[in-house]
Amino acid sequence: MTKTPKESLTILTDIVLPGESNPLGNLFGGELLARMDRACSIAARRHSHSIVVTASVNHVAFNNAIPVGSVVTIEAKVSRAFKSSMEIYVDVWIEDRESQKRSKVNEGIYTFVAVDKLGKPITVPQLEPETKLEKERYEGALRRKQLSLILSGKMNPADADELRALFIG
């Protein structure tokens, strides 16, 4: 069975309260990570229809601070499915208080693994990207996975065809 990224789309919208802020009056980074993780977890569960666990936080960019009172929208969806793991790309947006215009302030990439009730990995549906952005993220996911496997010592760099193609041509 093949699914599309939009089938896993998860959107969480909330407001930043004073108790969630640091001394500068901005959202704690850890609070943002938790919100992103929850959205990614829901996206992974929607894709796999199973229990999912966070395997890694591959990348998080804290590009802009998120002030108290901001309306924050977190959008997550599966960017690629492998055997039992799924890469989830998450974008973080805030709304301007006056114009209501949204701007992207942060992003991240998480990996989740689908498991059975005993915690054993299970196979997930494959993914068929539709939009240009989904296709870019889908292609990049394999390179990111190969790099992660090389860095962890689980893959020989000579076997990383997708990464090698970036440098050779």
N, C-alpha and C. Protein backbone atom coordinates (compact mmCIF):
# COMPACT_ATOMS: atom_id res chain seq x y z
N MET A 1 0.84 -1.19 0.00
CA MET A 1 0.00 0.00 0.00
C MET A 1 0.89 1.25 0.00
N THR A 2 0.53 2.21 -0.80
CA THR A 2 1.26 3.47 -0.88
C THR A 2 0.35 4.61 -0.44
N LYS A 3 0.94 5.55 0.29
CA LYS A 3 0.18 6.70 0.78
C LYS A 3 0.87 7.98 0.32
N THR A 4 0.17 9.09 0.46
CA THR A 4 0.73 10.39 0.11
C THR A 4 1.05 11.17 1.39
N PRO A 5 1.96 12.14 1.31
CA PRO A 5 2.28 12.93 2.49
C PRO A 5 1.06 13.64 3.10
N LYS A 6 0.14 14.10 2.25
CA LYS A 6 -1.00 14.85 2.80
C LYS A 6 -1.88 13.98 3.70
N GLU A 7 -1.81 12.66 3.53
CA GLU A 7 -2.59 11.78 4.40
C GLU A 7 -2.08 11.78 5.84
N SER A 8 -0.83 12.19 6.03
CA SER A 8 -0.26 12.24 7.38
C SER A 8 -0.22 13.65 7.94
N LEU A 9 -0.62 14.63 7.15
CA LEU A 9 -0.51 16.03 7.58
C LEU A 9 -1.16 16.24 8.95
N THR A 10 -0.38 16.84 9.82
CA THR A 10 -0.84 17.16 11.17
C THR A 10 -0.54 18.63 11.43
N ILE A 11 -1.56 19.35 11.87
CA ILE A 11 -1.41 20.77 12.16
C ILE A 11 -1.83 21.02 13.60
N LEU A 12 -0.90 21.55 14.38
CA LEU A 12 -1.17 21.92 15.77
C LEU A 12 -1.02 23.43 15.89
N THR A 13 -2.03 24.09 16.41
CA THR A 13 -1.97 25.54 16.60
C THR A 13 -2.22 25.84 18.07
N ASP A 14 -1.40 26.72 18.62
CA ASP A 14 -1.49 27.06 20.03
C ASP A 14 -0.92 28.46 20.24
N ILE A 15 -1.10 28.98 21.44
CA ILE A 15 -0.57 30.30 21.78
C ILE A 15 0.53 30.11 22.81
N VAL A 16 1.54 30.96 22.76
CA VAL A 16 2.65 30.89 23.72
C VAL A 16 2.25 31.68 24.97
N LEU A 17 2.23 30.98 26.08
CA LEU A 17 1.86 31.58 27.36
C LEU A 17 3.10 31.96 28.17
N PRO A 18 2.98 32.91 29.10
CA PRO A 18 4.14 33.36 29.88
C PRO A 18 4.88 32.23 30.61
N GLY A 19 4.17 31.23 31.10
CA GLY A 19 4.80 30.13 31.82
C GLY A 19 5.63 29.22 30.93
N GLU A 20 5.57 29.41 29.63
CA GLU A 20 6.33 28.59 28.67
C GLU A 20 7.53 29.35 28.10
N SER A 21 7.85 30.49 28.73
CA SER A 21 8.88 31.36 28.16
C SER A 21 10.14 31.39 28.99
N ASN A 22 11.20 31.83 28.33
CA ASN A 22 12.49 32.02 29.00
C ASN A 22 12.58 33.46 29.52
N PRO A 23 13.69 33.83 30.18
CA PRO A 23 13.81 35.19 30.72
C PRO A 23 13.74 36.31 29.68
N LEU A 24 13.92 35.97 28.39
CA LEU A 24 13.82 36.98 27.34
C LEU A 24 12.39 37.14 26.82
N GLY A 25 11.47 36.34 27.37
CA GLY A 25 10.08 36.44 26.94
C GLY A 25 9.77 35.67 25.67
N ASN A 26 10.59 34.67 25.37
CA ASN A 26 10.38 33.83 24.19
C ASN A 26 10.12 32.38 24.60
N LEU A 27 9.47 31.64 23.73
CA LEU A 27 9.16 30.23 23.99
C LEU A 27 10.44 29.46 24.27
N PHE A 28 10.44 28.65 25.36
CA PHE A 28 11.56 27.77 25.66
C PHE A 28 11.80 26.85 24.47
N GLY A 29 13.07 26.63 24.12
CA GLY A 29 13.41 25.71 23.04
C GLY A 29 12.89 24.31 23.31
N GLY A 30 12.98 23.85 24.54
CA GLY A 30 12.50 22.52 24.90
C GLY A 30 11.00 22.38 24.73
N GLU A 31 10.27 23.44 25.02
CA GLU A 31 8.82 23.42 24.83
C GLU A 31 8.49 23.31 23.34
N LEU A 32 9.23 24.04 22.51
CA LEU A 32 9.01 23.94 21.07
C LEU A 32 9.34 22.53 20.58
N LEU A 33 10.45 21.95 21.06
CA LEU A 33 10.81 20.59 20.65
C LEU A 33 9.71 19.60 21.02
N ALA A 34 9.14 19.75 22.20
CA ALA A 34 8.06 18.84 22.62
C ALA A 34 6.84 18.97 21.72
N ARG A 35 6.49 20.20 21.36
CA ARG A 35 5.34 20.41 20.47
C ARG A 35 5.62 19.81 19.09
N MET A 36 6.84 20.01 18.61
CA MET A 36 7.21 19.46 17.31
C MET A 36 7.17 17.93 17.35
N ASP A 37 7.67 17.35 18.42
CA ASP A 37 7.69 15.89 18.57
C ASP A 37 6.27 15.33 18.58
N ARG A 38 5.36 16.01 19.27
CA ARG A 38 3.96 15.55 19.31
C ARG A 38 3.34 15.57 17.91
N ALA A 39 3.56 16.67 17.18
CA ALA A 39 3.00 16.76 15.83
C ALA A 39 3.59 15.69 14.92
N CYS A 40 4.90 15.47 15.02
CA CYS A 40 5.55 14.43 14.20
C CYS A 40 5.04 13.04 14.56
N SER A 41 4.82 12.82 15.84
CA SER A 41 4.30 11.53 16.30
C SER A 41 2.92 11.24 15.70
N ILE A 42 2.08 12.24 15.69
CA ILE A 42 0.74 12.07 15.11
C ILE A 42 0.83 11.81 13.61
N ALA A 43 1.71 12.54 12.93
CA ALA A 43 1.89 12.33 11.48
C ALA A 43 2.37 10.91 11.20
N ALA A 44 3.34 10.44 11.97
CA ALA A 44 3.87 9.09 11.79
C ALA A 44 2.80 8.04 12.07
N ARG A 45 2.00 8.28 13.09
CA ARG A 45 0.93 7.34 13.42
C ARG A 45 -0.13 7.30 12.32
N ARG A 46 -0.45 8.46 11.77
CA ARG A 46 -1.43 8.51 10.68
C ARG A 46 -0.93 7.75 9.46
N HIS A 47 0.36 7.83 9.20
CA HIS A 47 0.92 7.14 8.04
C HIS A 47 0.95 5.62 8.26
N SER A 48 1.38 5.22 9.44
CA SER A 48 1.62 3.80 9.71
C SER A 48 0.44 3.05 10.31
N HIS A 49 -0.51 3.78 10.87
CA HIS A 49 -1.64 3.18 11.59
C HIS A 49 -1.14 2.22 12.68
N SER A 50 -0.09 2.63 13.38
CA SER A 50 0.47 1.79 14.43
C SER A 50 1.08 2.65 15.52
N ILE A 51 1.57 1.98 16.54
CA ILE A 51 2.31 2.65 17.60
C ILE A 51 3.62 3.14 16.97
N VAL A 52 4.03 4.35 17.33
CA VAL A 52 5.29 4.89 16.81
C VAL A 52 6.14 5.43 17.96
N VAL A 53 7.44 5.35 17.77
CA VAL A 53 8.36 5.87 18.77
C VAL A 53 9.37 6.79 18.08
N THR A 54 9.79 7.81 18.78
CA THR A 54 10.80 8.72 18.25
C THR A 54 12.13 7.99 18.23
N ALA A 55 12.74 7.90 17.05
CA ALA A 55 14.05 7.25 16.92
C ALA A 55 15.17 8.29 17.00
N SER A 56 14.93 9.46 16.39
CA SER A 56 15.95 10.50 16.44
C SER A 56 15.36 11.85 16.05
N VAL A 57 16.02 12.87 16.53
CA VAL A 57 15.75 14.23 16.07
C VAL A 57 16.96 14.55 15.21
N ASN A 58 16.76 14.52 13.91
CA ASN A 58 17.88 14.62 12.97
C ASN A 58 18.35 16.05 12.78
N HIS A 59 17.43 16.97 12.87
CA HIS A 59 17.77 18.37 12.61
C HIS A 59 16.69 19.25 13.20
N VAL A 60 17.12 20.30 13.86
CA VAL A 60 16.19 21.34 14.30
C VAL A 60 16.90 22.67 14.10
N ALA A 61 16.21 23.60 13.47
CA ALA A 61 16.76 24.94 13.28
C ALA A 61 15.92 25.92 14.07
N PHE A 62 16.55 26.56 15.05
CA PHE A 62 15.89 27.62 15.79
C PHE A 62 16.26 28.93 15.10
N ASN A 63 15.60 29.20 14.00
CA ASN A 63 15.95 30.37 13.18
C ASN A 63 15.49 31.68 13.79
N ASN A 64 14.34 31.68 14.43
CA ASN A 64 13.79 32.90 15.02
C ASN A 64 13.16 32.60 16.37
N ALA A 65 13.24 33.57 17.26
CA ALA A 65 12.59 33.44 18.56
C ALA A 65 11.07 33.55 18.38
N ILE A 66 10.35 32.92 19.30
CA ILE A 66 8.89 32.96 19.26
C ILE A 66 8.43 33.65 20.54
N PRO A 67 8.00 34.91 20.44
CA PRO A 67 7.64 35.69 21.63
C PRO A 67 6.35 35.21 22.31
N VAL A 68 6.28 35.50 23.61
CA VAL A 68 5.04 35.24 24.36
C VAL A 68 3.88 35.92 23.64
N GLY A 69 2.76 35.24 23.59
CA GLY A 69 1.57 35.78 22.94
C GLY A 69 1.46 35.40 21.48
N SER A 70 2.52 34.82 20.92
CA SER A 70 2.49 34.41 19.51
C SER A 70 1.55 33.23 19.30
N VAL A 71 0.87 33.25 18.17
CA VAL A 71 0.11 32.08 17.74
C VAL A 71 1.07 31.25 16.90
N VAL A 72 1.32 30.03 17.35
CA VAL A 72 2.28 29.13 16.72
C VAL A 72 1.52 28.00 16.03
N THR A 73 1.87 27.74 14.78
CA THR A 73 1.29 26.62 14.04
C THR A 73 2.42 25.69 13.63
N ILE A 74 2.28 24.44 13.99
CA ILE A 74 3.27 23.42 13.67
C ILE A 74 2.64 22.47 12.66
N GLU A 75 3.30 22.31 11.52
CA GLU A 75 2.80 21.44 10.46
C GLU A 75 3.81 20.33 10.22
N ALA A 76 3.36 19.10 10.38
CA ALA A 76 4.24 17.95 10.20
C ALA A 76 3.61 16.96 9.23
N LYS A 77 4.46 16.35 8.41
CA LYS A 77 3.99 15.26 7.56
C LYS A 77 5.16 14.38 7.17
N VAL A 78 4.85 13.15 6.87
CA VAL A 78 5.87 12.19 6.49
C VAL A 78 6.52 12.65 5.19
N SER A 79 7.86 12.68 5.18
CA SER A 79 8.57 13.06 3.97
C SER A 79 9.13 11.85 3.23
N ARG A 80 9.33 10.74 3.95
CA ARG A 80 9.73 9.49 3.30
C ARG A 80 9.52 8.34 4.27
N ALA A 81 9.12 7.21 3.72
CA ALA A 81 8.97 5.99 4.51
C ALA A 81 10.01 4.99 4.03
N PHE A 82 10.65 4.35 4.97
CA PHE A 82 11.62 3.31 4.66
C PHE A 82 10.97 1.97 5.03
N LYS A 83 11.70 1.03 5.63
CA LYS A 83 11.08 -0.26 5.96
C LYS A 83 10.14 -0.11 7.16
N SER A 84 10.68 0.28 8.29
CA SER A 84 9.85 0.48 9.48
C SER A 84 9.95 1.92 9.99
N SER A 85 10.87 2.68 9.43
CA SER A 85 11.05 4.06 9.88
C SER A 85 10.45 5.05 8.90
N MET A 86 10.17 6.22 9.43
CA MET A 86 9.60 7.31 8.65
C MET A 86 10.33 8.59 9.01
N GLU A 87 10.69 9.36 8.00
CA GLU A 87 11.23 10.69 8.24
C GLU A 87 10.04 11.65 8.23
N ILE A 88 9.97 12.50 9.24
CA ILE A 88 8.89 13.48 9.34
C ILE A 88 9.53 14.87 9.27
N TYR A 89 9.04 15.67 8.35
CA TYR A 89 9.52 17.05 8.22
C TYR A 89 8.50 17.94 8.90
N VAL A 90 8.97 18.86 9.72
CA VAL A 90 8.07 19.72 10.48
C VAL A 90 8.46 21.19 10.28
N ASP A 91 7.46 21.99 9.98
CA ASP A 91 7.64 23.43 9.79
C ASP A 91 6.89 24.17 10.90
N VAL A 92 7.52 25.22 11.41
CA VAL A 92 6.93 26.01 12.50
C VAL A 92 6.67 27.42 11.99
N TRP A 93 5.44 27.88 12.15
CA TRP A 93 5.00 29.19 11.66
C TRP A 93 4.46 30.01 12.82
N ILE A 94 4.60 31.33 12.72
CA ILE A 94 3.90 32.22 13.66
C ILE A 94 3.10 33.23 12.83
N GLU A 95 2.05 33.73 13.46
CA GLU A 95 1.20 34.73 12.81
C GLU A 95 1.54 36.11 13.36
N ASP A 96 1.64 37.08 12.48
CA ASP A 96 1.82 38.46 12.91
C ASP A 96 0.53 38.90 13.60
N ARG A 97 0.66 39.49 14.76
CA ARG A 97 -0.51 39.87 15.56
C ARG A 97 -1.44 40.83 14.83
N GLU A 98 -0.89 41.72 14.04
CA GLU A 98 -1.72 42.73 13.39
C GLU A 98 -2.18 42.32 12.00
N SER A 99 -1.25 41.85 11.17
CA SER A 99 -1.61 41.54 9.79
C SER A 99 -2.16 40.13 9.62
N GLN A 100 -1.92 39.27 10.61
CA GLN A 100 -2.31 37.86 10.56
C GLN A 100 -1.49 37.08 9.51
N LYS A 101 -0.48 37.72 8.93
CA LYS A 101 0.37 37.05 7.95
C LYS A 101 1.26 36.04 8.67
N ARG A 102 1.37 34.85 8.06
CA ARG A 102 2.21 33.80 8.65
C ARG A 102 3.64 33.89 8.12
N SER A 103 4.59 33.57 9.01
CA SER A 103 5.98 33.48 8.58
C SER A 103 6.61 32.24 9.22
N LYS A 104 7.45 31.58 8.43
CA LYS A 104 8.12 30.38 8.93
C LYS A 104 9.28 30.79 9.82
N VAL A 105 9.31 30.24 11.03
CA VAL A 105 10.34 30.64 11.98
C VAL A 105 11.30 29.50 12.34
N ASN A 106 10.87 28.27 12.21
CA ASN A 106 11.70 27.13 12.58
C ASN A 106 11.30 25.91 11.75
N GLU A 107 12.17 24.91 11.76
CA GLU A 107 11.87 23.65 11.09
C GLU A 107 12.67 22.54 11.74
N GLY A 108 12.25 21.33 11.45
CA GLY A 108 12.97 20.19 12.00
C GLY A 108 12.69 18.93 11.20
N ILE A 109 13.53 17.93 11.43
CA ILE A 109 13.37 16.63 10.80
C ILE A 109 13.51 15.58 11.89
N TYR A 110 12.50 14.77 12.03
CA TYR A 110 12.47 13.72 13.04
C TYR A 110 12.38 12.37 12.33
N THR A 111 12.84 11.31 13.01
CA THR A 111 12.66 9.96 12.52
C THR A 111 11.86 9.18 13.56
N PHE A 112 10.83 8.51 13.08
CA PHE A 112 10.00 7.66 13.93
C PHE A 112 10.04 6.24 13.39
N VAL A 113 9.86 5.28 14.28
CA VAL A 113 9.78 3.87 13.90
C VAL A 113 8.43 3.34 14.34
N ALA A 114 7.78 2.60 13.44
CA ALA A 114 6.52 1.95 13.75
C ALA A 114 6.83 0.63 14.45
N VAL A 115 6.12 0.36 15.53
CA VAL A 115 6.35 -0.87 16.29
C VAL A 115 5.03 -1.56 16.63
N ASP A 116 5.14 -2.85 16.93
CA ASP A 116 3.96 -3.59 17.38
C ASP A 116 3.81 -3.42 18.89
N LYS A 117 2.87 -4.13 19.49
CA LYS A 117 2.60 -3.98 20.93
C LYS A 117 3.75 -4.46 21.81
N LEU A 118 4.67 -5.22 21.22
CA LEU A 118 5.83 -5.69 21.97
C LEU A 118 7.06 -4.80 21.74
N GLY A 119 6.87 -3.76 20.92
CA GLY A 119 7.97 -2.85 20.65
C GLY A 119 8.88 -3.28 19.51
N LYS A 120 8.47 -4.28 18.74
CA LYS A 120 9.25 -4.76 17.60
C LYS A 120 8.89 -3.96 16.36
N PRO A 121 9.90 -3.53 15.58
CA PRO A 121 9.62 -2.76 14.36
C PRO A 121 8.73 -3.53 13.39
N ILE A 122 7.84 -2.78 12.74
CA ILE A 122 6.95 -3.36 11.73
C ILE A 122 7.04 -2.55 10.44
N THR A 123 6.65 -3.15 9.36
CA THR A 123 6.71 -2.50 8.04
C THR A 123 5.64 -1.42 7.93
N VAL A 124 6.04 -0.32 7.29
CA VAL A 124 5.11 0.80 7.07
C VAL A 124 4.81 0.94 5.59
N PRO A 125 3.68 1.58 5.25
CA PRO A 125 3.38 1.83 3.83
C PRO A 125 4.44 2.72 3.19
N GLN A 126 4.65 2.55 1.91
CA GLN A 126 5.56 3.43 1.17
C GLN A 126 4.88 4.78 0.94
N LEU A 127 5.65 5.74 0.47
CA LEU A 127 5.15 7.10 0.31
C LEU A 127 5.32 7.56 -1.13
N GLU A 128 4.32 8.21 -1.66
CA GLU A 128 4.37 8.76 -3.01
C GLU A 128 4.19 10.28 -2.91
N PRO A 129 5.31 11.03 -3.00
CA PRO A 129 5.19 12.49 -2.91
C PRO A 129 4.45 13.05 -4.12
N GLU A 130 3.75 14.16 -3.91
CA GLU A 130 2.96 14.76 -4.99
C GLU A 130 3.46 16.14 -5.41
N THR A 131 3.71 17.02 -4.46
CA THR A 131 4.11 18.39 -4.80
C THR A 131 5.61 18.48 -5.01
N LYS A 132 6.06 19.59 -5.55
CA LYS A 132 7.49 19.81 -5.79
C LYS A 132 8.26 19.74 -4.47
N LEU A 133 7.75 20.42 -3.43
CA LEU A 133 8.41 20.42 -2.13
C LEU A 133 8.44 19.01 -1.54
N GLU A 134 7.33 18.28 -1.65
CA GLU A 134 7.31 16.91 -1.14
C GLU A 134 8.34 16.03 -1.85
N LYS A 135 8.49 16.23 -3.15
CA LYS A 135 9.47 15.45 -3.93
C LYS A 135 10.90 15.81 -3.52
N GLU A 136 11.16 17.10 -3.28
CA GLU A 136 12.50 17.52 -2.83
C GLU A 136 12.83 16.91 -1.47
N ARG A 137 11.87 16.96 -0.57
CA ARG A 137 12.10 16.41 0.77
C ARG A 137 12.24 14.89 0.71
N TYR A 138 11.47 14.25 -0.14
CA TYR A 138 11.54 12.79 -0.32
C TYR A 138 12.94 12.39 -0.80
N GLU A 139 13.44 13.08 -1.82
CA GLU A 139 14.77 12.76 -2.37
C GLU A 139 15.86 13.03 -1.32
N GLY A 140 15.74 14.14 -0.61
CA GLY A 140 16.73 14.48 0.40
C GLY A 140 16.75 13.50 1.57
N ALA A 141 15.63 12.88 1.84
CA ALA A 141 15.54 11.95 2.97
C ALA A 141 16.50 10.78 2.84
N LEU A 142 16.65 10.26 1.64
CA LEU A 142 17.55 9.12 1.44
C LEU A 142 19.00 9.56 1.68
N ARG A 143 19.37 10.73 1.22
CA ARG A 143 20.72 11.25 1.47
C ARG A 143 20.94 11.46 2.97
N ARG A 144 19.94 12.02 3.65
CA ARG A 144 20.06 12.24 5.09
C ARG A 144 20.21 10.91 5.83
N LYS A 145 19.46 9.90 5.39
CA LYS A 145 19.54 8.59 6.04
C LYS A 145 20.92 7.98 5.81
N GLN A 146 21.42 8.06 4.59
CA GLN A 146 22.74 7.51 4.31
C GLN A 146 23.81 8.21 5.14
N LEU A 147 23.75 9.51 5.25
CA LEU A 147 24.72 10.25 6.05
C LEU A 147 24.66 9.82 7.52
N SER A 148 23.45 9.67 8.03
CA SER A 148 23.27 9.23 9.42
C SER A 148 23.87 7.84 9.63
N LEU A 149 23.64 6.94 8.68
CA LEU A 149 24.17 5.58 8.79
C LEU A 149 25.70 5.58 8.72
N ILE A 150 26.27 6.43 7.88
CA ILE A 150 27.74 6.53 7.80
C ILE A 150 28.30 7.04 9.12
N LEU A 151 27.69 8.12 9.64
CA LEU A 151 28.19 8.71 10.89
C LEU A 151 28.08 7.76 12.07
N SER A 152 27.08 6.88 12.05
CA SER A 152 26.90 5.93 13.15
C SER A 152 27.71 4.65 12.94
N GLY A 153 28.43 4.57 11.81
CA GLY A 153 29.25 3.39 11.53
C GLY A 153 28.46 2.21 10.99
N LYS A 154 27.22 2.43 10.60
CA LYS A 154 26.37 1.35 10.10
C LYS A 154 26.38 1.22 8.58
N MET A 155 27.08 2.15 7.91
CA MET A 155 27.16 2.09 6.45
C MET A 155 28.57 2.50 6.02
N ASN A 156 29.09 1.78 5.06
CA ASN A 156 30.37 2.12 4.47
C ASN A 156 30.15 3.31 3.54
N PRO A 157 30.95 4.36 3.65
CA PRO A 157 30.76 5.52 2.77
C PRO A 157 30.75 5.17 1.28
N ALA A 158 31.49 4.15 0.90
CA ALA A 158 31.53 3.73 -0.51
C ALA A 158 30.18 3.21 -1.00
N ASP A 159 29.32 2.81 -0.06
CA ASP A 159 28.01 2.28 -0.43
C ASP A 159 26.92 3.35 -0.49
N ALA A 160 27.26 4.57 -0.16
CA ALA A 160 26.28 5.67 -0.11
C ALA A 160 26.12 6.30 -1.49
N ASP A 161 25.46 5.60 -2.38
CA ASP A 161 25.31 6.04 -3.77
C ASP A 161 24.67 7.43 -3.89
N GLU A 162 23.63 7.70 -3.11
CA GLU A 162 22.93 8.99 -3.20
C GLU A 162 23.84 10.14 -2.79
N LEU A 163 24.63 9.93 -1.75
CA LEU A 163 25.54 10.98 -1.32
C LEU A 163 26.68 11.17 -2.31
N ARG A 164 27.22 10.09 -2.79
CA ARG A 164 28.31 10.17 -3.75
C ARG A 164 27.88 10.91 -5.01
N ALA A 165 26.64 10.72 -5.43
CA ALA A 165 26.13 11.38 -6.62
C ALA A 165 26.13 12.90 -6.49
N LEU A 166 26.02 13.40 -5.26
CA LEU A 166 26.06 14.85 -5.04
C LEU A 166 27.41 15.44 -5.42
N PHE A 167 28.48 14.65 -5.21
CA PHE A 167 29.82 15.17 -5.41
C PHE A 167 30.42 14.78 -6.76
N ILE A 168 29.96 13.68 -7.30
CA ILE A 168 30.54 13.18 -8.56
C ILE A 168 29.71 13.64 -9.74
N GLY A 169 28.44 13.77 -9.53
CA GLY A 169 27.76 14.33 -10.61
C GLY A 169 26.53 13.88 -11.14
